[in-house]
């Protein structure tokens, strides 16, 4: 019987894998959405570069705020520079986005004044500097605006465009090859010929999970339980992918050949085989020619949970990003005793109310690790570490938010 390592040990082993080279590419900014910025983005100017109006109104000297009649001497539309200067007891009509005229320091909104002939009367005062955007309010020259490792979204696109950056250097996403093993499983469209055959979902569930978290996918489908087929699969995948993921064939059955191929045929360096967790205890991780192989269990719930726990952090590592699994604190609604000395991940429902996450187990099914439907609706995983105690109703617990995983 092999010695199983703890969950924390297994994660530390994967975290310490050295990825020799992070490759990058240059993309037009809107083609880089979802990619990871490879270098810090630093402002090359102040924004705004000059005091600017934040709304439509009248630019004045604040010292004139109580004057009855202030003479209107010019208009200052956005995109132009007014030549006139605000002096005592004068104002210039100024519009949103216009530079504040010389001599002015405060903007009176249009609705705060009455106009009589060519003069304004302030009917509602404002504080000094009102509605004036100061130099560098948005960002200052030489300020780091976007840190490397940031995933590019709409806000980053807007900032990049404001800096007149059209192309951006991003980290190339990892390529993952996925296959499900098992002579009893059928791919989509295959006809069932006996009652023992089941429809495979693992390879497609994992494709969706990895794609939505930034990986390129090579879908290798279903592979039968024989040593030659599995060897050919893994050798082909090693030529094409950075990470190879299989499901099934890692337990202790007579037909669990994946582990034999990895160890005996490929002569891969096994990082661990067997982790003290539920679900997924027979998980295997190995390295061959700088490529990472993760062999997951065959049950749908087990393979999906283990893919979240082990493969997503690898994707983040290859992307050199600041991404991490969304683990938060939540209030549990019932007693939940510790059933075994393992790190256990249990499906639950989560809702956010009154500034706090709350979990319950309403409608969650108990049974084997094949129940993937437990991950529908508003799911999370309750995390119980191997050294944790029995949980009482109202306790704060650690959960992994599944709907926050893209």
Protein backbone atom coordinates (compact mmCIF):
# COMPACT_ATOMS: atom_id res chain seq x y z
CA UNK A 1 0.00 0.00 0.00
CA UNK A 2 1.55 3.29 -1.05
CA UNK A 3 1.87 6.21 1.32
CA UNK A 4 -0.58 9.01 0.53
CA UNK A 5 0.62 12.57 1.03
CA UNK A 6 -1.47 15.41 2.46
CA UNK A 7 -3.37 17.89 0.30
CA UNK A 8 -1.10 20.75 1.40
CA UNK A 9 2.01 18.70 0.53
CA UNK A 10 0.66 17.94 -2.94
CA UNK A 11 -0.14 21.60 -3.63
CA UNK A 12 3.32 22.66 -2.43
CA UNK A 13 4.91 20.17 -4.84
CA UNK A 14 3.01 21.63 -7.79
CA UNK A 15 3.71 25.19 -6.67
CA UNK A 16 7.44 24.42 -6.68
CA UNK A 17 7.49 23.17 -10.26
CA UNK A 18 9.83 25.41 -12.24
CA UNK A 19 8.46 26.55 -15.58
CA UNK A 20 11.63 27.25 -17.51
CA UNK A 21 10.35 29.87 -19.93
CA UNK A 22 7.30 32.11 -20.03
CA UNK A 23 6.59 32.91 -23.70
CA UNK A 24 4.93 36.14 -24.76
CA UNK A 25 3.30 37.63 -27.84
CA UNK A 26 2.11 41.07 -28.95
CA UNK A 27 -1.58 41.58 -29.65
CA UNK A 28 -3.88 44.47 -30.51
CA UNK A 29 -5.44 45.51 -27.23
CA UNK A 30 -9.00 44.28 -27.88
CA UNK A 31 -7.60 40.92 -29.03
CA UNK A 32 -5.84 40.62 -25.68
CA UNK A 33 -8.99 40.44 -23.52
CA UNK A 34 -8.60 37.60 -21.02
CA UNK A 35 -4.84 37.44 -21.57
CA UNK A 36 -2.25 38.32 -18.94
CA UNK A 37 -0.11 41.46 -19.24
CA UNK A 38 3.59 40.53 -19.36
CA UNK A 39 5.06 43.87 -18.21
CA UNK A 40 4.01 46.74 -15.97
CA UNK A 41 2.12 49.49 -17.80
CA UNK A 42 3.50 52.89 -16.74
CA UNK A 43 1.87 56.25 -17.47
CA UNK A 44 3.91 58.45 -19.79
CA UNK A 45 1.89 61.59 -18.98
CA UNK A 46 -0.44 63.11 -16.40
CA UNK A 47 -4.18 62.64 -16.89
CA UNK A 48 -5.52 65.23 -17.11
CA UNK A 49 -2.45 67.23 -18.09
CA UNK A 50 -4.15 70.53 -17.20
CA UNK A 51 -6.99 71.53 -14.84
CA UNK A 52 -10.16 70.44 -16.61
CA UNK A 53 -13.89 71.05 -16.20
CA UNK A 54 -15.89 68.10 -14.84
CA UNK A 55 -19.27 69.53 -15.87
CA UNK A 56 -21.01 72.34 -17.76
CA UNK A 57 -20.92 75.66 -15.95
CA UNK A 58 -19.15 78.96 -15.44
CA UNK A 59 -15.46 79.24 -14.59
CA UNK A 60 -14.82 81.92 -11.95
CA UNK A 61 -12.35 83.05 -9.36
CA UNK A 62 -13.59 81.68 -6.04
CA UNK A 63 -13.07 85.11 -4.48
CA UNK A 64 -16.09 86.26 -6.57
CA UNK A 65 -18.46 83.58 -5.18
CA UNK A 66 -20.56 86.19 -3.31
CA UNK A 67 -20.60 88.84 -6.02
CA UNK A 68 -24.07 89.75 -7.34
CA UNK A 69 -23.17 90.33 -10.99
CA UNK A 70 -20.29 88.53 -12.70
CA UNK A 71 -19.69 89.46 -16.31
CA UNK A 72 -19.74 86.67 -18.91
CA UNK A 73 -16.85 87.38 -21.27
CA UNK A 74 -16.49 84.25 -23.43
CA UNK A 75 -17.43 80.63 -24.13
CA UNK A 76 -15.04 77.70 -23.80
CA UNK A 77 -16.24 74.60 -25.74
CA UNK A 78 -14.47 71.26 -25.28
CA UNK A 79 -11.64 70.65 -27.72
CA UNK A 80 -10.68 74.30 -28.06
CA UNK A 81 -8.51 76.66 -26.03
CA UNK A 82 -10.07 79.96 -25.06
CA UNK A 83 -7.79 82.96 -25.31
CA UNK A 84 -9.66 85.06 -22.75
CA UNK A 85 -8.58 85.02 -19.12
CA UNK A 86 -10.80 85.11 -16.04
CA UNK A 87 -10.10 88.20 -13.98
CA UNK A 88 -11.91 89.64 -10.97
CA UNK A 89 -15.71 89.73 -11.40
CA UNK A 90 -15.67 87.94 -14.79
CA UNK A 91 -16.51 84.39 -15.86
CA UNK A 92 -16.25 82.17 -18.91
CA UNK A 93 -18.92 79.62 -19.84
CA UNK A 94 -17.07 76.31 -19.81
CA UNK A 95 -18.23 72.84 -20.86
CA UNK A 96 -17.50 69.30 -19.67
CA UNK A 97 -14.00 68.27 -20.69
CA UNK A 98 -12.82 71.80 -21.48
CA UNK A 99 -9.59 73.11 -20.04
CA UNK A 100 -10.23 75.52 -17.20
CA UNK A 101 -9.55 79.07 -18.48
CA UNK A 102 -6.53 80.93 -17.18
CA UNK A 103 -7.24 82.76 -13.94
CA UNK A 104 -10.18 80.52 -12.90
CA UNK A 105 -10.16 78.05 -10.04
CA UNK A 106 -13.80 77.03 -9.51
CA UNK A 107 -16.74 75.98 -11.72
CA UNK A 108 -20.32 77.04 -10.94
CA UNK A 109 -22.82 74.56 -12.46
CA UNK A 110 -25.28 75.98 -14.98
CA UNK A 111 -28.23 75.20 -12.70
CA UNK A 112 -26.68 77.27 -9.87
CA UNK A 113 -26.90 80.59 -11.69
CA UNK A 114 -29.37 83.06 -13.14
CA UNK A 115 -28.41 84.94 -16.31
CA UNK A 116 -29.33 88.59 -16.73
CA UNK A 117 -28.16 90.09 -20.02
CA UNK A 118 -24.41 89.34 -20.14
CA UNK A 119 -24.01 88.72 -16.42
CA UNK A 120 -24.58 85.78 -14.07
CA UNK A 121 -25.93 85.79 -10.54
CA UNK A 122 -24.92 82.85 -8.35
CA UNK A 123 -28.02 81.53 -6.57
CA UNK A 124 -26.33 78.53 -4.98
CA UNK A 125 -22.70 78.67 -3.87
CA UNK A 126 -20.16 75.85 -4.21
CA UNK A 127 -16.86 75.20 -2.40
CA UNK A 128 -13.46 76.25 -3.71
CA UNK A 129 -12.26 74.16 -6.66
CA UNK A 130 -15.70 72.65 -7.31
CA UNK A 131 -16.02 70.51 -10.49
CA UNK A 132 -12.37 71.07 -11.43
CA UNK A 133 -10.35 67.99 -12.31
CA UNK A 134 -6.83 68.59 -11.08
CA UNK A 135 -3.65 67.67 -12.94
CA UNK A 136 -3.05 63.93 -12.55
CA UNK A 137 -6.44 63.23 -10.97
CA UNK A 138 -6.85 60.12 -13.12
CA UNK A 139 -3.19 59.12 -13.07
CA UNK A 140 0.21 60.72 -12.77
CA UNK A 141 3.23 60.43 -15.04
CA UNK A 142 5.48 57.43 -14.15
CA UNK A 143 2.72 55.82 -12.08
CA UNK A 144 2.33 52.04 -12.54
CA UNK A 145 -1.23 51.76 -13.79
CA UNK A 146 -1.49 48.04 -14.62
CA UNK A 147 0.79 45.54 -12.92
CA UNK A 148 2.22 42.60 -14.82
CA UNK A 149 0.23 39.48 -14.11
CA UNK A 150 -3.08 41.32 -14.48
CA UNK A 151 -5.77 39.66 -16.57
CA UNK A 152 -6.91 42.16 -19.22
CA UNK A 153 -10.55 43.21 -19.00
CA UNK A 154 -12.61 46.18 -20.16
CA UNK A 155 -11.06 48.62 -17.65
CA UNK A 156 -7.53 47.70 -18.72
CA UNK A 157 -8.52 48.22 -22.37
CA UNK A 158 -9.79 51.70 -21.53
CA UNK A 159 -6.60 52.66 -19.70
CA UNK A 160 -4.38 51.28 -22.48
CA UNK A 161 -6.34 53.25 -25.07
CA UNK A 162 -6.02 56.43 -22.99
CA UNK A 163 -2.25 55.91 -23.07
CA UNK A 164 -2.35 55.55 -26.87
CA UNK A 165 -1.13 51.95 -26.59
CA UNK A 166 -2.46 49.87 -29.49
CA UNK A 167 -0.46 46.68 -29.01
CA UNK A 168 0.37 44.98 -25.75
CA UNK A 169 2.78 42.21 -24.75
CA UNK A 170 0.90 39.33 -23.15
CA UNK A 171 1.80 35.89 -21.82
CA UNK A 172 0.98 33.00 -24.15
CA UNK A 173 -1.66 30.73 -22.65
CA UNK A 174 -0.69 27.12 -21.91
CA UNK A 175 -1.90 24.29 -24.13
CA UNK A 176 -3.64 21.40 -22.40
CA UNK A 177 -4.35 18.01 -23.94
CA UNK A 178 -7.38 16.23 -22.46
CA UNK A 179 -8.49 12.61 -22.74
CA UNK A 180 -10.82 10.26 -20.87
CA UNK A 181 -9.86 6.62 -20.57
CA UNK A 182 -12.19 3.65 -20.20
CA UNK A 183 -13.56 0.87 -22.35
CA UNK A 184 -16.96 1.39 -20.75
CA UNK A 185 -17.38 5.04 -21.77
CA UNK A 186 -18.91 6.43 -24.95
CA UNK A 187 -18.23 9.75 -26.64
CA UNK A 188 -21.06 11.99 -27.81
CA UNK A 189 -22.89 10.37 -30.71
CA UNK A 190 -21.59 6.86 -30.11
CA UNK A 191 -24.30 4.19 -29.94
CA UNK A 192 -24.69 2.24 -26.71
CA UNK A 193 -24.40 -1.50 -27.34
CA UNK A 194 -24.74 -2.83 -23.78
CA UNK A 195 -26.07 -1.70 -20.44
CA UNK A 196 -22.64 -1.36 -18.83
CA UNK A 197 -21.62 1.49 -21.14
CA UNK A 198 -21.92 5.08 -19.90
CA UNK A 199 -21.72 8.45 -21.61
CA UNK A 200 -18.48 10.32 -20.93
CA UNK A 201 -18.75 13.93 -19.79
CA UNK A 202 -15.34 14.34 -18.15
CA UNK A 203 -13.32 15.36 -21.20
CA UNK A 204 -15.89 18.00 -22.20
CA UNK A 205 -16.46 19.30 -18.66
CA UNK A 206 -12.71 19.80 -18.30
CA UNK A 207 -12.40 21.39 -21.74
CA UNK A 208 -15.01 23.98 -20.72
CA UNK A 209 -13.35 24.56 -17.35
CA UNK A 210 -9.84 25.00 -18.75
CA UNK A 211 -10.89 27.08 -21.76
CA UNK A 212 -12.81 29.52 -19.60
CA UNK A 213 -9.72 29.93 -17.41
CA UNK A 214 -7.38 30.82 -20.25
CA UNK A 215 -5.96 27.56 -21.63
CA UNK A 216 -5.72 26.42 -25.22
CA UNK A 217 -7.19 22.94 -25.58
CA UNK A 218 -6.31 19.85 -27.58
CA UNK A 219 -9.31 17.56 -27.20
CA UNK A 220 -8.21 13.95 -27.59
CA UNK A 221 -11.53 12.37 -26.68
CA UNK A 222 -12.02 8.81 -25.46
CA UNK A 223 -9.26 6.20 -25.20
CA UNK A 224 -9.91 2.51 -24.52
CA UNK A 225 -8.38 0.69 -21.56
CA UNK A 226 -5.35 -0.92 -23.14
CA UNK A 227 -1.70 -0.14 -22.68
CA UNK A 228 -0.88 0.55 -26.33
CA UNK A 229 -3.74 2.99 -26.85
CA UNK A 230 -2.93 4.90 -23.67
CA UNK A 231 0.80 4.95 -24.50
CA UNK A 232 0.10 6.34 -27.98
CA UNK A 233 -2.22 8.93 -26.50
CA UNK A 234 0.29 10.20 -23.96
CA UNK A 235 3.23 10.18 -26.36
CA UNK A 236 1.24 12.21 -28.87
CA UNK A 237 0.03 14.62 -26.21
CA UNK A 238 3.56 15.17 -24.93
CA UNK A 239 4.58 16.42 -28.36
CA UNK A 240 1.83 19.03 -28.50
CA UNK A 241 0.86 20.19 -25.02
CA UNK A 242 2.33 21.86 -21.95
CA UNK A 243 -0.03 19.98 -19.62
CA UNK A 244 -1.64 16.59 -20.22
CA UNK A 245 -4.81 15.70 -18.33
CA UNK A 246 -6.39 12.24 -18.27
CA UNK A 247 -9.38 10.94 -16.37
CA UNK A 248 -9.67 7.36 -15.18
CA UNK A 249 -7.16 4.53 -14.89
CA UNK A 250 -5.25 5.69 -11.80
CA UNK A 251 -6.79 3.52 -9.09
CA UNK A 252 -5.84 -0.05 -8.15
CA UNK A 253 -8.04 -2.03 -10.54
CA UNK A 254 -6.86 -4.64 -13.03
CA UNK A 255 -7.57 -2.29 -15.93
CA UNK A 256 -6.19 0.94 -14.49
CA UNK A 257 -3.39 1.23 -17.03
CA UNK A 258 -2.78 4.99 -17.03
CA UNK A 259 -0.53 4.83 -13.99
CA UNK A 260 1.43 1.91 -15.50
CA UNK A 261 2.03 3.76 -18.75
CA UNK A 262 3.17 6.94 -16.99
CA UNK A 263 5.54 5.07 -14.70
CA UNK A 264 6.78 2.15 -16.82
CA UNK A 265 6.36 3.10 -20.48
CA UNK A 266 7.06 6.84 -20.35
CA UNK A 267 9.51 6.59 -17.44
CA UNK A 268 8.10 9.90 -16.20
CA UNK A 269 9.16 11.44 -12.91
CA UNK A 270 6.25 10.82 -10.56
CA UNK A 271 5.73 13.76 -8.22
CA UNK A 272 3.05 12.02 -6.21
CA UNK A 273 0.48 9.25 -6.61
CA UNK A 274 -2.15 9.29 -3.92
CA UNK A 275 -3.30 12.27 -1.88
CA UNK A 276 -5.18 12.14 1.41
CA UNK A 277 -8.24 13.96 0.03
CA UNK A 278 -11.88 13.26 -0.74
CA UNK A 279 -12.76 13.14 -3.56
CA UNK A 280 -9.78 12.12 -5.68
CA UNK A 281 -7.39 10.17 -3.49
CA UNK A 282 -5.74 8.25 -6.36
CA UNK A 283 -4.65 11.41 -8.16
CA UNK A 284 -1.27 11.16 -9.93
CA UNK A 285 1.10 13.95 -11.00
CA UNK A 286 4.26 13.47 -13.05
CA UNK A 287 6.75 15.31 -15.27
CA UNK A 288 8.10 14.08 -18.59
CA UNK A 289 10.39 16.16 -20.83
CA UNK A 290 9.35 19.32 -19.00
CA UNK A 291 5.66 18.60 -19.58
CA UNK A 292 3.27 18.11 -16.65
CA UNK A 293 0.94 15.11 -16.55
CA UNK A 294 -2.01 15.07 -14.18
CA UNK A 295 -3.99 11.82 -14.12
CA UNK A 296 -7.37 12.43 -12.51
CA UNK A 297 -9.93 9.95 -11.17
CA UNK A 298 -12.67 8.74 -13.49
CA UNK A 299 -15.78 9.72 -11.52
CA UNK A 300 -17.26 12.98 -12.82
CA UNK A 301 -17.43 14.88 -9.52
CA UNK A 302 -13.96 13.68 -8.46
CA UNK A 303 -12.29 14.60 -11.73
CA UNK A 304 -13.93 18.04 -11.80
CA UNK A 305 -13.08 18.91 -8.20
CA UNK A 306 -9.48 17.73 -8.65
CA UNK A 307 -9.18 19.65 -11.91
CA UNK A 308 -10.24 22.82 -10.09
CA UNK A 309 -7.85 22.20 -7.19
CA UNK A 310 -4.79 21.09 -9.18
CA UNK A 311 -5.05 22.12 -12.82
CA UNK A 312 -6.40 25.66 -12.50
CA UNK A 313 -3.44 26.74 -10.32
CA UNK A 314 -1.14 25.26 -12.99
CA UNK A 315 -2.87 27.35 -15.65
CA UNK A 316 -2.41 30.43 -13.48
CA UNK A 317 1.25 29.50 -13.06
CA UNK A 318 1.81 29.12 -16.81
CA UNK A 319 0.02 32.43 -17.40
CA UNK A 320 2.30 34.05 -14.80
CA UNK A 321 -0.82 35.74 -13.49
CA UNK A 322 -2.10 37.05 -10.19
CA UNK A 323 -5.10 34.71 -10.37
CA UNK A 324 -5.95 32.34 -7.51
CA UNK A 325 -8.76 30.05 -6.43
CA UNK A 326 -11.60 32.05 -4.79
CA UNK A 327 -11.53 30.76 -1.20
CA UNK A 328 -13.57 32.80 1.29
CA UNK A 329 -15.15 32.53 4.74
CA UNK A 330 -18.81 31.58 5.13
CA UNK A 331 -21.32 30.87 7.90
CA UNK A 332 -22.58 27.27 7.92
CA UNK A 333 -26.25 26.63 8.79
CA UNK A 334 -25.90 23.20 10.43
CA UNK A 335 -23.61 20.95 12.42
CA UNK A 336 -21.18 19.15 10.14
CA UNK A 337 -19.01 16.51 11.83
CA UNK A 338 -15.62 15.51 10.48
CA UNK A 339 -16.05 12.03 9.02
CA UNK A 340 -12.45 11.04 8.26
CA UNK A 341 -8.84 12.21 8.61
CA UNK A 342 -8.60 13.63 5.11
CA UNK A 343 -8.96 17.01 3.48
CA UNK A 344 -12.57 16.85 2.35
CA UNK A 345 -14.30 18.97 -0.29
CA UNK A 346 -18.10 18.80 0.02
CA UNK A 347 -20.57 20.38 -2.39
CA UNK A 348 -22.89 22.95 -0.82
CA UNK A 349 -25.10 25.89 -1.76
CA UNK A 350 -23.89 29.44 -1.14
CA UNK A 351 -25.62 32.80 -0.94
CA UNK A 352 -24.41 36.26 0.00
CA UNK A 353 -26.58 38.22 2.40
CA UNK A 354 -26.03 40.93 5.00
CA UNK A 355 -22.36 41.24 4.04
CA UNK A 356 -21.52 37.58 4.58
CA UNK A 357 -21.49 34.30 2.65
CA UNK A 358 -23.81 31.59 4.01
CA UNK A 359 -23.85 27.92 3.05
CA UNK A 360 -26.38 25.11 3.30
CA UNK A 361 -26.78 21.62 1.87
CA UNK A 362 -30.41 21.81 0.70
CA UNK A 363 -30.96 19.44 -2.22
CA UNK A 364 -27.37 18.21 -2.34
CA UNK A 365 -27.21 14.47 -2.87
CA UNK A 366 -25.12 12.11 -0.81
CA UNK A 367 -23.47 9.14 -2.46
CA UNK A 368 -20.48 8.41 -4.65
CA UNK A 369 -18.08 10.81 -6.30
CA UNK A 370 -20.01 10.49 -9.56
CA UNK A 371 -22.70 13.07 -8.70
CA UNK A 372 -21.73 16.02 -10.91
CA UNK A 373 -25.21 17.60 -10.56
CA UNK A 374 -24.18 18.71 -7.06
CA UNK A 375 -22.17 21.44 -8.82
CA UNK A 376 -25.23 23.07 -10.41
CA UNK A 377 -27.07 26.28 -9.37
CA UNK A 378 -25.13 28.31 -6.72
CA UNK A 379 -22.43 25.85 -5.70
CA UNK A 380 -19.40 26.01 -3.47
CA UNK A 381 -17.09 23.49 -1.87
CA UNK A 382 -16.86 23.29 1.89
CA UNK A 383 -13.20 22.71 2.79
CA UNK A 384 -12.36 20.58 5.81
CA UNK A 385 -8.63 20.11 6.31
CA UNK A 386 -7.31 16.80 7.60
CA UNK A 387 -6.65 18.30 11.04
CA UNK A 388 -9.92 20.23 11.33
CA UNK A 389 -12.49 19.67 14.06
CA UNK A 390 -16.23 19.01 13.96
CA UNK A 391 -18.14 22.02 12.65
CA UNK A 392 -21.05 23.56 14.55
CA UNK A 393 -23.99 25.51 13.10
CA UNK A 394 -23.03 29.19 12.90
CA UNK A 395 -19.29 28.52 12.61
CA UNK A 396 -17.17 30.37 10.06
CA UNK A 397 -15.79 27.89 7.53
CA UNK A 398 -13.62 27.99 4.42
CA UNK A 399 -15.39 27.53 1.08
CA UNK A 400 -14.31 27.60 -2.54
CA UNK A 401 -16.76 29.61 -4.68
CA UNK A 402 -17.43 27.57 -7.81
CA UNK A 403 -19.45 30.22 -9.65
CA UNK A 404 -16.50 32.61 -9.26
CA UNK A 405 -14.44 30.17 -11.32
CA UNK A 406 -15.10 31.23 -14.89
